[in-house]
Amino acid sequence: MLKLFALALTLLAGAAHADDTLHTDLPLSYLEQTQGDARNQPLVIFLHGFGSNEEDLFGIKDALPSTWTYLSVRAPMPVDPNGFRWFTKTPGDGDYDGVTADLQRSAGLIKDFVAKATAKYHTRSDRVFLIGFSQGAIMSYEVALRDPQLVRGIAALSGSVLPVLKAELKPDESLGKLAIFIGHGTLDQALPYASATRANEVLTGLGLKPEFHGYPGMNHTVSEAEVQDLKIWLEKSLRQTP
């Protein structure tokens, strides 16, 4: 997959200053931005894509409310020279899939990270969101659809629901509270647009109501229009907290 291109975002006036320190006190290394007392503030956790790192999605925070808490997480598996991945892709030309052991290990680390970050920043699970790009979006699905009590919602940017997860999902009342944002470019060359439409069908079949956004002409990246749609969705999801 391609590394997410730098976002052309303007820093909002009065936004909190991001800490460029790589923190290691939680199960995964991460960058942090918090302002003053983070107690009860929404917590947004970014999960980057293959071959990237914790710096890649962090710029999205500059278009979001400055009083919220933002963490951007580094995946556990290195990719030379300075990138990381959540899992190894299985060989072959079929549907994009991942090595099961990698998926389980990374999902376990993310779940532990989310639970401990929720406690550290004194917030509640119904105010926690995962925002993932590519492999990070895939992991957001893996975590939230298996353990929906951990988060209020997820944003899957240029991702997919992997075949192994799709095969194991069943309608469950606990899934009903999940807010889900799906965003995907129609010209995505790494994970085709059909990955998003199939994910939308899977989730709808489970009784969920994803908010689906297709971006004409966009490839495997994130656009400013998508970030603005994401901001609206986050704020709306918090107002509609069950």
Protein backbone atom coordinates (compact mmCIF):
# COMPACT_ATOMS: atom_id res chain seq x y z
CA MET A 1 0.00 0.00 0.00
CA LEU A 2 1.04 3.57 -0.52
CA LYS A 3 2.00 5.85 2.32
CA LEU A 4 -0.66 8.46 2.99
CA PHE A 5 0.29 11.75 1.35
CA ALA A 6 0.67 14.80 3.56
CA LEU A 7 -2.62 16.55 4.13
CA ALA A 8 -2.97 20.13 2.95
CA LEU A 9 -4.71 21.29 6.12
CA THR A 10 -4.58 24.72 7.74
CA LEU A 11 -3.86 24.73 11.46
CA LEU A 12 -6.92 26.03 13.28
CA ALA A 13 -6.45 29.15 15.39
CA GLY A 14 -6.06 28.34 19.05
CA ALA A 15 -5.48 24.63 18.47
CA ALA A 16 -3.55 22.79 21.14
CA HIS A 17 0.16 22.25 20.57
CA ALA A 18 0.94 18.67 19.66
CA ASP A 19 3.56 16.84 21.68
CA ASP A 20 6.18 15.42 19.28
CA THR A 21 7.43 13.00 21.94
CA LEU A 22 6.95 9.32 21.15
CA HIS A 23 5.22 7.98 24.26
CA THR A 24 5.79 4.39 25.34
CA ASP A 25 3.77 4.02 28.54
CA LEU A 26 0.86 2.22 26.81
CA PRO A 27 0.91 -1.13 24.92
CA LEU A 28 1.75 0.64 21.63
CA SER A 29 3.98 3.68 21.03
CA TYR A 30 2.07 6.85 20.20
CA LEU A 31 2.01 10.61 19.70
CA GLU A 32 -0.30 12.72 21.83
CA GLN A 33 -2.17 15.99 21.68
CA THR A 34 -4.22 17.01 24.67
CA GLN A 35 -5.18 20.41 26.03
CA GLY A 36 -5.50 21.13 29.72
CA ASP A 37 -7.70 18.73 31.64
CA ALA A 38 -8.58 15.91 29.24
CA ARG A 39 -11.20 14.52 31.62
CA ASN A 40 -14.39 13.48 29.78
CA GLN A 41 -13.10 14.88 26.48
CA PRO A 42 -13.60 12.80 23.33
CA LEU A 43 -10.62 10.57 22.58
CA VAL A 44 -9.65 10.02 18.93
CA ILE A 45 -7.08 7.32 18.12
CA PHE A 46 -5.42 7.21 14.68
CA LEU A 47 -4.20 3.94 13.14
CA HIS A 48 -1.90 4.41 10.13
CA GLY A 49 -1.52 2.28 7.01
CA PHE A 50 1.11 -0.15 5.73
CA GLY A 51 4.66 1.17 5.57
CA SER A 52 3.79 4.40 7.36
CA ASN A 53 4.10 5.49 10.98
CA GLU A 54 2.45 7.42 13.78
CA GLU A 55 3.17 10.81 12.15
CA ASP A 56 1.14 10.11 9.03
CA LEU A 57 -2.47 10.67 10.11
CA PHE A 58 -1.75 13.00 13.00
CA GLY A 59 -2.31 16.12 10.86
CA ILE A 60 -6.03 15.33 10.63
CA LYS A 61 -6.37 16.57 14.23
CA ASP A 62 -5.72 20.13 13.04
CA ALA A 63 -9.13 20.17 11.35
CA LEU A 64 -10.91 18.78 14.43
CA PRO A 65 -11.86 20.41 17.76
CA SER A 66 -8.73 21.50 19.62
CA THR A 67 -10.08 20.57 23.06
CA TRP A 68 -10.34 16.85 22.25
CA THR A 69 -7.57 14.35 22.96
CA TYR A 70 -5.75 12.81 19.97
CA LEU A 71 -3.39 9.84 19.96
CA SER A 72 -1.63 8.51 16.87
CA VAL A 73 -0.36 4.96 17.25
CA ARG A 74 2.64 3.15 15.74
CA ALA A 75 1.96 -0.35 14.40
CA PRO A 76 4.08 -3.11 16.02
CA MET A 77 5.76 -4.67 12.96
CA PRO A 78 8.65 -2.80 11.27
CA VAL A 79 8.90 -2.19 7.53
CA ASP A 80 12.24 -0.79 6.32
CA PRO A 81 13.41 1.89 6.45
CA ASN A 82 11.12 3.86 8.80
CA GLY A 83 7.68 2.34 8.36
CA PHE A 84 5.50 -0.12 10.19
CA ARG A 85 2.63 -2.50 9.50
CA TRP A 86 -0.21 -4.10 11.45
CA PHE A 87 -0.06 -7.42 9.62
CA THR A 88 1.54 -9.30 6.76
CA LYS A 89 -0.56 -9.66 3.64
CA THR A 90 -1.29 -13.24 2.66
CA PRO A 91 0.21 -14.23 -0.71
CA GLY A 92 -1.87 -14.61 -3.83
CA ASP A 93 -4.04 -12.53 -6.10
CA GLY A 94 -7.38 -13.08 -4.36
CA ASP A 95 -9.14 -10.68 -2.01
CA TYR A 96 -6.77 -8.70 0.17
CA ASP A 97 -6.29 -10.65 3.40
CA GLY A 98 -3.87 -10.87 6.31
CA VAL A 99 -1.97 -13.52 8.23
CA THR A 100 -4.27 -14.61 11.04
CA ALA A 101 -1.60 -14.60 13.77
CA ASP A 102 -0.61 -11.02 12.88
CA LEU A 103 -4.21 -9.85 12.88
CA GLN A 104 -4.90 -11.43 16.26
CA ARG A 105 -1.73 -10.05 17.83
CA SER A 106 -2.28 -6.51 16.55
CA ALA A 107 -5.97 -6.56 17.44
CA GLY A 108 -5.07 -7.63 20.97
CA LEU A 109 -2.55 -4.80 21.30
CA ILE A 110 -5.04 -2.23 19.99
CA LYS A 111 -7.78 -3.42 22.35
CA ASP A 112 -5.41 -3.20 25.29
CA PHE A 113 -4.22 0.22 24.13
CA VAL A 114 -7.78 1.55 23.79
CA ALA A 115 -8.82 0.31 27.22
CA LYS A 116 -5.75 1.75 28.95
CA ALA A 117 -5.89 5.05 27.03
CA THR A 118 -9.56 5.43 27.94
CA ALA A 119 -8.58 5.11 31.60
CA LYS A 120 -5.46 7.29 31.32
CA TYR A 121 -7.32 10.22 29.77
CA HIS A 122 -10.31 9.87 32.09
CA THR A 123 -12.95 9.49 29.43
CA ARG A 124 -15.63 6.91 28.64
CA SER A 125 -15.78 4.28 25.93
CA ASP A 126 -18.81 6.02 24.39
CA ARG A 127 -16.54 9.00 23.66
CA VAL A 128 -13.71 7.02 22.01
CA PHE A 129 -13.22 6.77 18.23
CA LEU A 130 -10.78 4.85 16.04
CA ILE A 131 -9.79 6.49 12.75
CA GLY A 132 -7.86 4.12 10.51
CA PHE A 133 -6.38 4.40 7.03
CA SER A 134 -5.82 1.31 4.84
CA GLN A 135 -4.39 -1.39 7.15
CA GLY A 136 -5.38 0.88 10.03
CA ALA A 137 -8.97 0.90 8.74
CA ILE A 138 -8.88 -2.89 8.48
CA MET A 139 -7.72 -3.11 12.09
CA SER A 140 -10.44 -0.67 13.18
CA TYR A 141 -13.01 -3.06 11.76
CA GLU A 142 -11.26 -6.02 13.39
CA VAL A 143 -11.33 -4.43 16.83
CA ALA A 144 -14.70 -2.67 16.87
CA LEU A 145 -16.80 -5.36 15.20
CA ARG A 146 -15.45 -8.02 17.56
CA ASP A 147 -15.50 -5.85 20.72
CA PRO A 148 -17.98 -3.01 20.12
CA GLN A 149 -18.09 -2.03 23.79
CA LEU A 150 -14.58 -0.54 23.51
CA VAL A 151 -15.52 2.45 21.33
CA ARG A 152 -18.32 4.74 20.23
CA GLY A 153 -17.39 4.39 16.59
CA ILE A 154 -14.81 3.94 13.86
CA ALA A 155 -13.86 5.71 10.64
CA ALA A 156 -12.56 3.34 7.99
CA LEU A 157 -10.65 5.37 5.39
CA SER A 158 -9.66 3.41 2.28
CA GLY A 159 -10.03 0.07 4.04
CA SER A 160 -11.91 -3.22 3.86
CA VAL A 161 -13.52 -5.93 5.97
CA LEU A 162 -11.22 -8.92 5.56
CA PRO A 163 -12.70 -12.27 4.48
CA VAL A 164 -11.88 -13.96 7.81
CA LEU A 165 -13.74 -11.28 9.77
CA LYS A 166 -16.69 -11.24 7.39
CA ALA A 167 -17.07 -15.02 7.76
CA GLU A 168 -17.24 -14.79 11.55
CA LEU A 169 -19.59 -11.83 11.95
CA LYS A 170 -23.15 -12.38 13.07
CA PRO A 171 -25.95 -9.94 13.94
CA ASP A 172 -25.56 -8.91 17.56
CA GLU A 173 -27.46 -6.36 19.61
CA SER A 174 -24.19 -4.99 21.01
CA LEU A 175 -23.17 -3.84 17.52
CA GLY A 176 -26.14 -1.48 17.35
CA LYS A 177 -24.42 1.38 19.18
CA LEU A 178 -21.46 1.54 16.80
CA ALA A 179 -21.19 4.63 14.63
CA ILE A 180 -19.29 3.85 11.42
CA PHE A 181 -17.88 6.18 8.76
CA ILE A 182 -16.69 4.65 5.47
CA GLY A 183 -14.66 6.85 3.12
CA HIS A 184 -13.01 5.63 -0.08
CA GLY A 185 -11.70 7.05 -3.35
CA THR A 186 -13.19 5.72 -6.57
CA LEU A 187 -9.72 5.44 -8.13
CA ASP A 188 -8.00 3.69 -5.24
CA GLN A 189 -5.23 1.56 -6.75
CA ALA A 190 -4.28 -0.32 -3.56
CA LEU A 191 -7.65 -1.33 -2.15
CA PRO A 192 -10.29 -0.95 -4.86
CA TYR A 193 -13.46 1.06 -4.32
CA ALA A 194 -15.40 -2.21 -4.31
CA SER A 195 -13.74 -2.98 -0.95
CA ALA A 196 -15.73 -0.13 0.56
CA THR A 197 -19.03 -1.00 -1.09
CA ARG A 198 -18.68 -4.61 0.05
CA ALA A 199 -17.89 -3.49 3.61
CA ASN A 200 -20.97 -1.29 3.53
CA GLU A 201 -23.09 -4.25 2.43
CA VAL A 202 -21.66 -6.47 5.17
CA LEU A 203 -22.35 -3.91 7.87
CA THR A 204 -25.82 -3.11 6.59
CA GLY A 205 -26.55 -6.83 6.64
CA LEU A 206 -25.65 -6.86 10.34
CA GLY A 207 -28.21 -4.16 11.03
CA LEU A 208 -25.69 -1.32 11.23
CA LYS A 209 -26.12 2.03 9.49
CA PRO A 210 -22.73 3.13 8.16
CA GLU A 211 -22.30 6.63 6.79
CA PHE A 212 -20.81 5.97 3.35
CA HIS A 213 -18.78 8.51 1.37
CA GLY A 214 -17.30 7.84 -2.05
CA TYR A 215 -14.83 10.41 -3.41
CA PRO A 216 -14.75 10.59 -7.22
CA GLY A 217 -11.26 10.65 -8.69
CA MET A 218 -9.46 10.11 -5.36
CA ASN A 219 -6.80 7.41 -5.13
CA HIS A 220 -5.29 5.73 -2.03
CA THR A 221 -5.10 8.83 0.13
CA VAL A 222 -7.22 11.20 2.23
CA SER A 223 -8.64 14.42 0.85
CA GLU A 224 -9.58 17.66 2.61
CA ALA A 225 -13.20 17.03 1.66
CA GLU A 226 -13.03 13.65 3.40
CA VAL A 227 -11.57 15.23 6.53
CA GLN A 228 -14.40 17.77 6.63
CA ASP A 229 -16.96 14.98 6.26
CA LEU A 230 -15.17 13.11 9.02
CA LYS A 231 -15.37 16.13 11.35
CA ILE A 232 -19.12 16.48 10.80
CA TRP A 233 -19.61 12.75 11.42
CA LEU A 234 -17.58 12.77 14.66
CA GLU A 235 -19.51 15.70 16.10
CA LYS A 236 -22.84 14.19 15.07
CA SER A 237 -21.93 10.80 16.56
CA LEU A 238 -21.11 12.40 19.91
CA ARG A 239 -24.46 14.20 19.96
CA GLN A 240 -26.18 10.90 19.23
CA THR A 241 -24.33 8.88 21.89
CA PRO A 242 -26.68 6.07 22.97
